[in-house]
Amino acid sequence: MGPTVALHARRLIAVGILFIGFTTCVAVADAVAVSSPTRAAVATSGDGVEPKADEVVVGAYIENIQTLDLATNSFMADIYVWMRWMNPELAPYESIEVMNPYERWALTAVPLTAKPVPQPDGSLYFAIRYQGAFNTNFDLAQFPFGEQTLRIQLEDQRLEADQLTYVLDSNAIAIDPQVTVPGYDIDEPTIAVEDIRYSSNFGNLNSRENDVYSRVTITIPVTHPFLATSVKVLLPLILVVATASLIFHVPPGLIEARIGLGITALLTLVAMQWSALSNLPDGGYLVMLDVLYIASFMFVLTTLIQTLATSWKAREGDEAGAIRLDERMMVIDLAVFVAVSAIIMWSFLR
């Protein structure tokens, strides 16, 4: 009765380690994600600012975000951009340019009025609706977690910053409350104005070196839902590792069954990794999920090596010792896997 109780106790310990490992990984990643400050920041708004000569007050309204494509570093969006200015000789709506289109031929700019509309304060008003794909650089190191930043950049293509400067309107940015992106949570969008210096005059002999232009940047932070992503990505990984650990419960004499179980786990991991990372671009670095899969591969490989050793031990006549060694190795391997996985997630998400 004693050996049977000890055997069941070791199995319960192994199951407990897996459960604790999953909850620990989720808790560590959640705590780090919550404590990480957002990278987006709102530039000082021109609240109450009246347009001056050569100044263009701008604002934007995000009507929709259709798709987000990690493989091409692009997203589809539908936004309104408005402008107000005092100088009647300016026509900023004619020279404003989207600086980061993904496919310019697919980007449409539709004016909302045929010509500038006079305002009660003497300024002129014009609005444009942009629809199409925009390019943005995704930071995928923390995939499948981490924050992604969608950017839309606007700039005047003719006038430099000392001739035309953008100023933020009061309430310069807003988003339709019904906008959703499947698989992502949308954080508060921001808008900023900055001067961009180019290290070229683009061959124009009448232009100065290091031209400076005023640029408007609209930023939309999005994140994966943490709990749902953890269940979809981490839980299957834990289940495959748990299945691979069953090798240690197969009698040492059945070496073919043991090897078959390990090979099946390896093939399953390969298929899962390909499926989970197939939508990512070919990058020159490992994302967090890559490293977690590498740790899982090493776990299965280690169990295969150890089960071969214990099987040979059983063939030499010490089957009871081989079973005891299997039980110890199962607990040790699972504990090491959980610890390594928690360290990987902490190092990437901190």
Protein backbone atom coordinates (compact mmCIF):
# COMPACT_ATOMS: atom_id res chain seq x y z
CA MET A 1 0.00 0.00 0.00
CA GLY A 2 2.89 2.33 0.80
CA PRO A 3 4.49 2.33 -2.69
CA THR A 4 1.08 2.88 -4.34
CA VAL A 5 0.36 5.91 -2.14
CA ALA A 6 3.81 7.32 -2.90
CA LEU A 7 3.23 6.82 -6.63
CA HIS A 8 -0.10 8.66 -6.52
CA ALA A 9 1.49 11.41 -4.42
CA ARG A 10 4.18 11.97 -7.04
CA ARG A 11 1.56 12.14 -9.78
CA LEU A 12 -0.44 14.69 -7.82
CA ILE A 13 2.73 16.72 -7.31
CA ALA A 14 3.38 16.69 -11.06
CA VAL A 15 -0.17 17.85 -11.82
CA GLY A 16 0.17 20.53 -9.15
CA ILE A 17 3.43 21.77 -10.67
CA LEU A 18 1.79 22.09 -14.10
CA PHE A 19 -1.19 23.98 -12.67
CA ILE A 20 1.01 26.27 -10.60
CA GLY A 21 3.25 26.79 -13.63
CA PHE A 22 0.40 27.89 -15.85
CA THR A 23 -1.07 30.25 -13.28
CA THR A 24 2.39 31.59 -12.38
CA CYS A 25 3.26 32.35 -16.01
CA VAL A 26 -0.07 34.12 -16.50
CA ALA A 27 0.28 36.04 -13.23
CA VAL A 28 3.87 37.09 -13.92
CA ALA A 29 3.07 38.27 -17.42
CA ASP A 30 -0.09 40.05 -16.24
CA ALA A 31 1.74 41.84 -13.43
CA VAL A 32 4.55 42.95 -15.70
CA ALA A 33 2.14 44.05 -18.43
CA VAL A 34 0.06 46.08 -15.98
CA SER A 35 3.12 47.71 -14.41
CA SER A 36 4.69 48.61 -17.77
CA PRO A 37 4.05 52.24 -18.65
CA THR A 38 2.34 52.92 -21.96
CA ARG A 39 4.61 54.21 -24.67
CA ALA A 40 2.01 56.56 -26.13
CA ALA A 41 1.92 60.17 -24.96
CA VAL A 42 -0.28 63.10 -25.86
CA ALA A 43 1.47 66.22 -27.01
CA THR A 44 0.40 69.48 -25.45
CA SER A 45 -2.84 70.44 -27.07
CA GLY A 46 -3.51 73.86 -28.46
CA ASP A 47 -6.57 74.19 -26.21
CA GLY A 48 -8.20 77.52 -26.90
CA VAL A 49 -5.49 78.46 -29.40
CA GLU A 50 -6.64 80.75 -32.15
CA PRO A 51 -5.10 80.16 -35.55
CA LYS A 52 -2.43 82.65 -36.53
CA ALA A 53 -0.99 83.42 -39.94
CA ASP A 54 0.93 80.42 -41.30
CA GLU A 55 -0.46 78.25 -38.52
CA VAL A 56 -2.87 75.42 -39.28
CA VAL A 57 -5.00 74.02 -36.46
CA VAL A 58 -5.56 70.28 -36.96
CA GLY A 59 -7.62 67.49 -35.43
CA ALA A 60 -8.70 63.97 -36.29
CA TYR A 61 -11.60 61.57 -35.74
CA ILE A 62 -11.05 57.81 -36.10
CA GLU A 63 -14.12 56.37 -37.77
CA ASN A 64 -13.02 52.76 -38.15
CA ILE A 65 -10.08 50.32 -38.05
CA GLN A 66 -10.81 47.38 -40.33
CA THR A 67 -7.85 45.02 -40.18
CA LEU A 68 -4.39 44.72 -38.69
CA ASP A 69 -1.78 42.66 -40.58
CA LEU A 70 1.35 41.78 -38.57
CA ALA A 71 2.98 40.05 -41.55
CA THR A 72 3.03 43.23 -43.65
CA ASN A 73 3.32 45.79 -40.83
CA SER A 74 0.14 47.49 -41.98
CA PHE A 75 -3.43 48.24 -40.94
CA MET A 76 -6.60 49.52 -42.60
CA ALA A 77 -8.25 52.61 -41.18
CA ASP A 78 -10.89 55.22 -41.91
CA ILE A 79 -10.23 58.67 -40.40
CA TYR A 80 -11.37 62.27 -40.71
CA VAL A 81 -8.80 65.09 -40.58
CA TRP A 82 -9.84 68.72 -40.28
CA MET A 83 -7.87 71.95 -40.64
CA ARG A 84 -8.45 75.61 -39.80
CA TRP A 85 -6.22 78.51 -40.74
CA MET A 86 -6.35 82.31 -40.92
CA ASN A 87 -4.19 83.20 -43.93
CA PRO A 88 -6.49 83.16 -47.02
CA GLU A 89 -3.45 82.71 -49.26
CA LEU A 90 -2.73 79.31 -47.75
CA ALA A 91 -4.24 76.11 -49.13
CA PRO A 92 -2.94 73.45 -46.72
CA TYR A 93 -5.57 70.93 -47.84
CA GLU A 94 -3.92 70.82 -51.27
CA SER A 95 -0.42 70.00 -50.02
CA ILE A 96 -1.06 67.82 -46.95
CA GLU A 97 0.41 64.34 -47.51
CA VAL A 98 0.14 60.97 -45.79
CA MET A 99 3.74 59.98 -44.99
CA ASN A 100 3.24 56.29 -44.22
CA PRO A 101 0.79 54.78 -46.74
CA TYR A 102 1.12 51.02 -47.21
CA GLU A 103 -0.32 51.06 -50.71
CA ARG A 104 -0.68 54.59 -52.03
CA TRP A 105 -2.87 53.50 -54.91
CA ALA A 106 -5.35 52.06 -52.41
CA LEU A 107 -5.39 55.18 -50.21
CA THR A 108 -8.27 57.52 -50.94
CA ALA A 109 -8.64 61.13 -49.77
CA VAL A 110 -12.15 62.51 -50.11
CA PRO A 111 -12.78 66.20 -49.29
CA LEU A 112 -15.93 66.80 -47.27
CA THR A 113 -16.51 70.20 -48.88
CA ALA A 114 -15.75 71.55 -52.35
CA LYS A 115 -13.87 74.54 -50.94
CA PRO A 116 -12.80 75.97 -47.56
CA VAL A 117 -15.69 77.01 -45.33
CA PRO A 118 -15.47 80.42 -43.53
CA GLN A 119 -15.76 80.22 -39.73
CA PRO A 120 -17.20 82.75 -37.25
CA ASP A 121 -13.71 83.66 -36.01
CA GLY A 122 -12.54 84.53 -39.53
CA SER A 123 -10.63 81.31 -40.12
CA LEU A 124 -11.16 78.86 -42.97
CA TYR A 125 -12.19 75.24 -42.40
CA PHE A 126 -11.56 72.15 -44.52
CA ALA A 127 -11.89 68.44 -43.77
CA ILE A 128 -10.68 65.30 -45.56
CA ARG A 129 -11.68 61.66 -45.11
CA TYR A 130 -8.81 59.20 -45.55
CA GLN A 131 -9.52 55.51 -46.21
CA GLY A 132 -6.90 52.87 -46.91
CA ALA A 133 -3.89 50.97 -45.62
CA PHE A 134 -1.19 52.59 -43.51
CA ASN A 135 2.29 51.30 -42.74
CA THR A 136 3.55 51.05 -39.16
CA ASN A 137 6.45 49.24 -37.50
CA PHE A 138 5.21 46.57 -35.11
CA ASP A 139 7.39 45.54 -32.17
CA LEU A 140 6.83 41.79 -31.99
CA ALA A 141 9.46 40.85 -29.40
CA GLN A 142 6.76 40.25 -26.74
CA PHE A 143 4.39 38.39 -29.08
CA PRO A 144 1.71 37.23 -28.39
CA PHE A 145 1.56 39.89 -25.67
CA GLY A 146 2.80 43.46 -25.68
CA GLU A 147 1.36 46.67 -27.05
CA GLN A 148 1.27 47.49 -30.76
CA THR A 149 1.15 51.08 -31.95
CA LEU A 150 -0.79 52.09 -35.06
CA ARG A 151 0.46 55.38 -36.53
CA ILE A 152 -0.84 57.74 -39.19
CA GLN A 153 1.57 60.56 -40.12
CA LEU A 154 0.61 63.71 -42.01
CA GLU A 155 2.92 66.41 -43.34
CA ASP A 156 2.82 69.36 -45.73
CA GLN A 157 4.75 68.40 -48.86
CA ARG A 158 5.56 71.95 -49.98
CA LEU A 159 5.98 74.34 -47.07
CA GLU A 160 8.65 74.03 -44.39
CA ALA A 161 8.06 74.51 -40.68
CA ASP A 162 8.97 78.21 -40.78
CA GLN A 163 6.29 78.69 -43.44
CA LEU A 164 3.56 76.38 -42.16
CA THR A 165 3.24 74.96 -38.66
CA TYR A 166 0.55 72.61 -37.42
CA VAL A 167 -1.12 73.34 -34.08
CA LEU A 168 -3.41 70.93 -32.23
CA ASP A 169 -7.04 71.86 -31.87
CA SER A 170 -8.86 71.60 -28.56
CA ASN A 171 -10.23 68.04 -28.37
CA ALA A 172 -7.93 67.26 -31.28
CA ILE A 173 -8.42 63.48 -31.27
CA ALA A 174 -11.41 61.20 -30.80
CA ILE A 175 -12.46 57.69 -31.79
CA ASP A 176 -15.85 56.22 -32.54
CA PRO A 177 -16.85 54.23 -29.42
CA GLN A 178 -18.09 51.40 -31.63
CA VAL A 179 -14.70 50.81 -33.26
CA THR A 180 -13.35 47.31 -32.59
CA VAL A 181 -10.38 45.34 -33.87
CA PRO A 182 -10.88 41.54 -33.69
CA GLY A 183 -8.34 40.05 -31.29
CA TYR A 184 -7.26 43.39 -29.81
CA ASP A 185 -8.25 45.91 -27.16
CA ILE A 186 -8.02 49.55 -28.27
CA ASP A 187 -6.51 52.07 -25.86
CA GLU A 188 -6.98 55.84 -25.96
CA PRO A 189 -5.62 57.35 -29.20
CA THR A 190 -3.28 60.34 -29.09
CA ILE A 191 -2.16 63.03 -31.51
CA ALA A 192 1.08 65.02 -31.53
CA VAL A 193 2.85 67.64 -33.60
CA GLU A 194 6.62 67.65 -34.05
CA ASP A 195 9.22 69.13 -36.35
CA ILE A 196 10.97 66.62 -38.61
CA ARG A 197 14.43 67.43 -39.96
CA TYR A 198 15.51 65.83 -43.23
CA SER A 199 19.21 65.34 -43.95
CA SER A 200 18.78 66.25 -47.61
CA ASN A 201 17.43 69.02 -49.83
CA PHE A 202 16.14 66.36 -52.26
CA GLY A 203 18.13 67.91 -55.13
CA ASN A 204 16.31 71.25 -54.97
CA LEU A 205 18.97 73.97 -55.35
CA ASN A 206 16.56 76.57 -53.98
CA SER A 207 16.08 74.54 -50.80
CA ARG A 208 18.30 74.59 -47.76
CA GLU A 209 20.12 71.60 -46.34
CA ASN A 210 18.40 69.81 -43.47
CA ASP A 211 14.91 71.02 -44.27
CA VAL A 212 12.49 71.01 -41.32
CA TYR A 213 8.80 70.20 -41.76
CA SER A 214 5.92 70.16 -39.30
CA ARG A 215 4.39 66.69 -38.91
CA VAL A 216 1.17 65.43 -37.32
CA THR A 217 1.28 61.92 -35.84
CA ILE A 218 -1.89 60.07 -34.85
CA THR A 219 -1.19 57.14 -32.53
CA ILE A 220 -3.58 54.29 -31.69
CA PRO A 221 -2.29 51.75 -29.13
CA VAL A 222 -3.78 48.24 -29.29
CA THR A 223 -3.12 45.18 -27.12
CA HIS A 224 -4.15 41.54 -27.12
CA PRO A 225 -6.75 40.63 -24.44
CA PHE A 226 -4.43 39.16 -21.82
CA LEU A 227 -6.51 36.37 -20.30
CA ALA A 228 -7.93 35.13 -23.62
CA THR A 229 -4.48 35.17 -25.24
CA SER A 230 -2.97 33.28 -22.31
CA VAL A 231 -5.59 30.55 -22.55
CA LYS A 232 -5.29 30.27 -26.34
CA VAL A 233 -1.49 30.25 -26.49
CA LEU A 234 -0.09 29.05 -23.15
CA LEU A 235 -2.67 26.44 -22.19
CA PRO A 236 -2.16 24.24 -25.33
CA LEU A 237 1.60 24.44 -24.75
CA ILE A 238 1.17 23.29 -21.16
CA LEU A 239 -1.12 20.44 -22.26
CA VAL A 240 1.43 19.14 -24.79
CA VAL A 241 4.17 19.26 -22.16
CA ALA A 242 1.89 17.42 -19.72
CA THR A 243 1.23 14.78 -22.37
CA ALA A 244 4.96 14.38 -22.98
CA SER A 245 5.50 13.91 -19.23
CA LEU A 246 3.24 10.82 -19.39
CA ILE A 247 6.26 9.05 -20.89
CA PHE A 248 7.40 8.52 -17.31
CA HIS A 249 4.16 6.65 -16.49
CA VAL A 250 4.62 4.11 -19.28
CA PRO A 251 6.33 0.94 -17.97
CA PRO A 252 10.08 1.08 -18.67
CA GLY A 253 9.90 -2.16 -20.65
CA LEU A 254 7.61 -0.62 -23.30
CA ILE A 255 10.32 1.47 -24.92
CA GLU A 256 8.54 1.67 -28.31
CA ALA A 257 5.44 3.22 -26.70
CA ARG A 258 7.61 5.68 -24.78
CA ILE A 259 9.49 6.82 -27.89
CA GLY A 260 6.25 7.07 -29.87
CA LEU A 261 4.67 9.32 -27.22
CA GLY A 262 7.70 11.63 -27.23
CA ILE A 263 7.86 11.86 -31.03
CA THR A 264 4.13 12.62 -31.16
CA ALA A 265 4.61 15.46 -28.67
CA LEU A 266 7.48 16.88 -30.75
CA LEU A 267 5.44 16.81 -33.96
CA THR A 268 2.51 18.45 -32.19
CA LEU A 269 4.76 21.25 -30.92
CA VAL A 270 6.15 21.83 -34.41
CA ALA A 271 2.65 22.09 -35.88
CA MET A 272 1.49 24.41 -33.08
CA GLN A 273 4.51 26.68 -33.49
CA TRP A 274 4.01 26.94 -37.24
CA SER A 275 0.33 27.75 -36.78
CA ALA A 276 0.90 30.33 -34.03
CA LEU A 277 3.72 32.18 -35.84
CA SER A 278 2.60 31.81 -39.46
CA ASN A 279 1.15 35.33 -39.56
CA LEU A 280 4.36 37.00 -38.39
CA PRO A 281 6.97 38.47 -40.75
CA ASP A 282 10.32 36.74 -41.13
CA GLY A 283 12.38 38.70 -38.62
CA GLY A 284 15.96 38.50 -37.51
CA TYR A 285 15.10 37.94 -33.85
CA LEU A 286 13.21 35.50 -31.65
CA VAL A 287 9.89 36.56 -30.19
CA MET A 288 8.81 35.43 -26.74
CA LEU A 289 6.64 32.62 -28.12
CA ASP A 290 9.63 31.27 -30.08
CA VAL A 291 11.65 30.98 -26.90
CA LEU A 292 8.77 29.29 -25.05
CA TYR A 293 8.53 26.71 -27.83
CA ILE A 294 12.30 26.15 -27.69
CA ALA A 295 11.97 25.47 -23.95
CA SER A 296 9.16 23.00 -24.70
CA PHE A 297 11.25 21.25 -27.35
CA MET A 298 14.10 20.91 -24.86
CA PHE A 299 11.71 19.47 -22.26
CA VAL A 300 10.48 16.75 -24.66
CA LEU A 301 14.02 15.99 -25.85
CA THR A 302 15.19 15.68 -22.24
CA THR A 303 12.36 13.30 -21.37
CA LEU A 304 13.22 11.12 -24.39
CA ILE A 305 16.86 10.90 -23.34
CA GLN A 306 15.94 10.10 -19.74
CA THR A 307 13.35 7.49 -20.69
CA LEU A 308 15.94 5.71 -22.81
CA ALA A 309 18.28 5.61 -19.82
CA THR A 310 15.63 4.22 -17.46
CA SER A 311 14.48 1.68 -20.06
CA TRP A 312 17.99 0.30 -20.28
CA LYS A 313 18.12 0.27 -16.49
CA ALA A 314 14.96 -1.85 -16.44
CA ARG A 315 16.35 -4.24 -19.04
CA GLU A 316 19.32 -4.83 -16.76
CA GLY A 317 16.87 -6.18 -14.18
CA ASP A 318 16.29 -3.17 -11.90
CA GLU A 319 12.76 -2.33 -13.01
CA ALA A 320 11.69 -1.03 -9.58
CA GLY A 321 14.65 1.36 -9.53
CA ALA A 322 13.84 2.49 -13.07
CA ILE A 323 10.26 3.32 -12.05
CA ARG A 324 11.45 5.31 -9.03
CA LEU A 325 13.91 7.19 -11.24
CA ASP A 326 11.12 7.97 -13.72
CA GLU A 327 8.95 9.47 -10.98
CA ARG A 328 11.77 11.68 -9.72
CA MET A 329 12.74 12.82 -13.22
CA MET A 330 9.14 13.72 -14.04
CA VAL A 331 8.84 16.05 -11.05
CA ILE A 332 12.27 17.60 -11.63
CA ASP A 333 11.73 18.15 -15.37
CA LEU A 334 8.31 19.74 -14.87
CA ALA A 335 9.60 22.02 -12.13
CA VAL A 336 12.53 23.14 -14.30
CA PHE A 337 10.23 23.73 -17.28
CA VAL A 338 7.84 25.86 -15.23
CA ALA A 339 10.70 27.90 -13.75
CA VAL A 340 12.35 28.45 -17.14
CA SER A 341 9.02 29.47 -18.72
CA ALA A 342 8.33 31.98 -15.95
CA ILE A 343 11.84 33.46 -16.35
CA ILE A 344 11.39 33.73 -20.13
CA MET A 345 8.09 35.58 -19.78
CA TRP A 346 9.43 37.85 -17.07
CA SER A 347 12.54 38.76 -19.11
CA PHE A 348 10.50 39.61 -22.21
CA LEU A 349 7.64 41.45 -20.51
CA ARG A 350 9.47 43.38 -17.81
